[in-house]
Amino acid sequence: MDNAKSVLGLFKHATADDARKKYRDLARIWHPDVNAQEEAHVKMQEINEAYTFLMKEEFGILDPWDEYDRWWWRQYGDDPIWGNRFPED
């Protein structure tokens, strides 16, 4: 748990919202589409694993990517290339 928090740069009493914000900030820096360094891919994988572990184990959010999936389908759901609306909408 402490290792995941240190990867994301979170304090001991951080909230799920703090974790989301830190994840987004780190993704802007380390995502391989933005960062051309060789270690960017490995670093982003480490960040993803830490974020997923922390959200599940610390905050009880079983699918931390569900919010992103919903955003994606609301944003691009009617696009003829990407498909239809999110199934639950």
C-alpha atoms as a PDB file:
ATOM      1  CA  MET A   1       0.000   0.000   0.000  1.00  0.00           C
ATOM      2  CA  ASP A   2       2.760   2.429   0.960  1.00  0.00           C
ATOM      3  CA  ASN A   3       4.666   1.597  -2.214  1.00  0.00           C
ATOM      4  CA  ALA A   4       1.637   2.400  -4.386  1.00  0.00           C
ATOM      5  CA  LYS A   5       1.176   5.703  -2.567  1.00  0.00           C
ATOM      6  CA  SER A   6       4.831   6.577  -3.018  1.00  0.00           C
ATOM      7  CA  VAL A   7       4.658   5.832  -6.759  1.00  0.00           C
ATOM      8  CA  LEU A   8       1.777   8.277  -7.056  1.00  0.00           C
ATOM      9  CA  GLY A   9       3.340  10.731  -4.617  1.00  0.00           C
ATOM     10  CA  LEU A  10       0.429  10.617  -2.175  1.00  0.00           C
ATOM     11  CA  PHE A  11       0.429  11.395   1.510  1.00  0.00           C
ATOM     12  CA  LYS A  12      -0.659   8.846   4.117  1.00  0.00           C
ATOM     13  CA  HIS A  13      -4.211  10.174   4.493  1.00  0.00           C
ATOM     14  CA  ALA A  14      -4.954  10.858   0.811  1.00  0.00           C
ATOM     15  CA  THR A  15      -8.470  10.450  -0.575  1.00  0.00           C
ATOM     16  CA  ALA A  16      -9.648   8.761  -3.777  1.00  0.00           C
ATOM     17  CA  ASP A  17      -9.992  12.207  -5.374  1.00  0.00           C
ATOM     18  CA  ASP A  18      -6.387  12.985  -4.460  1.00  0.00           C
ATOM     19  CA  ALA A  19      -5.307   9.725  -6.100  1.00  0.00           C
ATOM     20  CA  ARG A  20      -7.254  10.525  -9.286  1.00  0.00           C
ATOM     21  CA  LYS A  21      -5.717  13.986  -9.492  1.00  0.00           C
ATOM     22  CA  LYS A  22      -2.181  12.691  -8.944  1.00  0.00           C
ATOM     23  CA  TYR A  23      -2.753   9.929 -11.515  1.00  0.00           C
ATOM     24  CA  ARG A  24      -3.878  12.451 -14.126  1.00  0.00           C
ATOM     25  CA  ASP A  25      -0.932  14.721 -13.365  1.00  0.00           C
ATOM     26  CA  LEU A  26       1.550  11.861 -13.696  1.00  0.00           C
ATOM     27  CA  ALA A  27      -0.118  10.589 -16.877  1.00  0.00           C
ATOM     28  CA  ARG A  28       0.343  14.014 -18.465  1.00  0.00           C
ATOM     29  CA  ILE A  29       4.057  13.736 -17.763  1.00  0.00           C
ATOM     30  CA  TRP A  30       4.797  10.040 -18.351  1.00  0.00           C
ATOM     31  CA  HIS A  31       2.335   8.849 -21.002  1.00  0.00           C
ATOM     32  CA  PRO A  32       4.373   7.480 -23.941  1.00  0.00           C
ATOM     33  CA  ASP A  33       2.342   9.579 -26.407  1.00  0.00           C
ATOM     34  CA  VAL A  34       3.675  12.700 -24.661  1.00  0.00           C
ATOM     35  CA  ASN A  35       7.046  11.581 -23.322  1.00  0.00           C
ATOM     36  CA  ALA A  36       9.584  10.249 -25.826  1.00  0.00           C
ATOM     37  CA  GLN A  37      11.992   8.866 -23.222  1.00  0.00           C
ATOM     38  CA  GLU A  38      12.561   5.118 -23.327  1.00  0.00           C
ATOM     39  CA  GLU A  39      11.536   4.607 -19.691  1.00  0.00           C
ATOM     40  CA  ALA A  40       8.203   6.421 -20.165  1.00  0.00           C
ATOM     41  CA  HIS A  41       6.364   3.216 -21.100  1.00  0.00           C
ATOM     42  CA  VAL A  42       7.677   1.326 -18.067  1.00  0.00           C
ATOM     43  CA  LYS A  43       7.008   4.268 -15.753  1.00  0.00           C
ATOM     44  CA  MET A  44       3.425   4.597 -17.042  1.00  0.00           C
ATOM     45  CA  GLN A  45       2.820   0.899 -16.442  1.00  0.00           C
ATOM     46  CA  GLU A  46       4.087   1.296 -12.890  1.00  0.00           C
ATOM     47  CA  ILE A  47       1.777   4.284 -12.363  1.00  0.00           C
ATOM     48  CA  ASN A  48      -1.214   2.375 -13.788  1.00  0.00           C
ATOM     49  CA  GLU A  49      -0.564  -0.627 -11.542  1.00  0.00           C
ATOM     50  CA  ALA A  50      -0.148   1.533  -8.440  1.00  0.00           C
ATOM     51  CA  TYR A  51      -3.323   3.494  -9.221  1.00  0.00           C
ATOM     52  CA  THR A  52      -5.410   0.366  -9.848  1.00  0.00           C
ATOM     53  CA  PHE A  53      -4.099  -1.356  -6.707  1.00  0.00           C
ATOM     54  CA  LEU A  54      -4.660   1.693  -4.537  1.00  0.00           C
ATOM     55  CA  MET A  55      -8.173   2.349  -5.797  1.00  0.00           C
ATOM     56  CA  LYS A  56      -9.210  -1.263  -5.196  1.00  0.00           C
ATOM     57  CA  GLU A  57      -7.456  -1.966  -1.917  1.00  0.00           C
ATOM     58  CA  GLU A  58      -7.505   1.405  -0.165  1.00  0.00           C
ATOM     59  CA  PHE A  59     -10.721   2.972  -1.433  1.00  0.00           C
ATOM     60  CA  GLY A  60     -12.815  -0.072  -2.388  1.00  0.00           C
ATOM     61  CA  ILE A  61     -13.400   1.038  -5.974  1.00  0.00           C
ATOM     62  CA  LEU A  62     -13.488  -2.259  -7.830  1.00  0.00           C
ATOM     63  CA  ASP A  63     -13.176  -0.836 -11.327  1.00  0.00           C
ATOM     64  CA  PRO A  64     -11.277   2.467 -11.294  1.00  0.00           C
ATOM     65  CA  TRP A  65     -11.499   2.668 -15.091  1.00  0.00           C
ATOM     66  CA  ASP A  66     -15.324   2.603 -15.143  1.00  0.00           C
ATOM     67  CA  GLU A  67     -15.507   6.403 -14.787  1.00  0.00           C
ATOM     68  CA  TYR A  68     -13.173   6.812 -17.759  1.00  0.00           C
ATOM     69  CA  ASP A  69     -15.157   4.315 -19.853  1.00  0.00           C
ATOM     70  CA  ARG A  70     -18.356   6.209 -19.147  1.00  0.00           C
ATOM     71  CA  TRP A  71     -16.711   9.514 -20.098  1.00  0.00           C
ATOM     72  CA  TRP A  72     -15.403   7.992 -23.326  1.00  0.00           C
ATOM     73  CA  TRP A  73     -18.818   6.712 -24.389  1.00  0.00           C
ATOM     74  CA  ARG A  74     -20.535   9.971 -23.510  1.00  0.00           C
ATOM     75  CA  GLN A  75     -17.914  11.875 -25.481  1.00  0.00           C
ATOM     76  CA  TYR A  76     -17.719   9.636 -28.561  1.00  0.00           C
ATOM     77  CA  GLY A  77     -20.741   7.343 -28.290  1.00  0.00           C
ATOM     78  CA  ASP A  78     -22.619   8.831 -31.253  1.00  0.00           C
ATOM     79  CA  ASP A  79     -19.566   8.946 -33.460  1.00  0.00           C
ATOM     80  CA  PRO A  80     -20.026   6.614 -36.463  1.00  0.00           C
ATOM     81  CA  ILE A  81     -16.481   5.288 -36.102  1.00  0.00           C
ATOM     82  CA  TRP A  82     -16.476   4.589 -32.358  1.00  0.00           C
ATOM     83  CA  GLY A  83     -19.946   3.111 -31.961  1.00  0.00           C
ATOM     84  CA  ASN A  84     -23.103   3.665 -29.980  1.00  0.00           C
ATOM     85  CA  ARG A  85     -23.864   5.130 -26.586  1.00  0.00           C
ATOM     86  CA  PHE A  86     -22.739   3.446 -23.363  1.00  0.00           C
ATOM     87  CA  PRO A  87     -25.081   0.440 -22.919  1.00  0.00           C
ATOM     88  CA  GLU A  88     -26.601   1.690 -19.647  1.00  0.00           C
ATOM     89  CA  ASP A  89     -27.508   5.176 -20.964  1.00  0.00           C
END
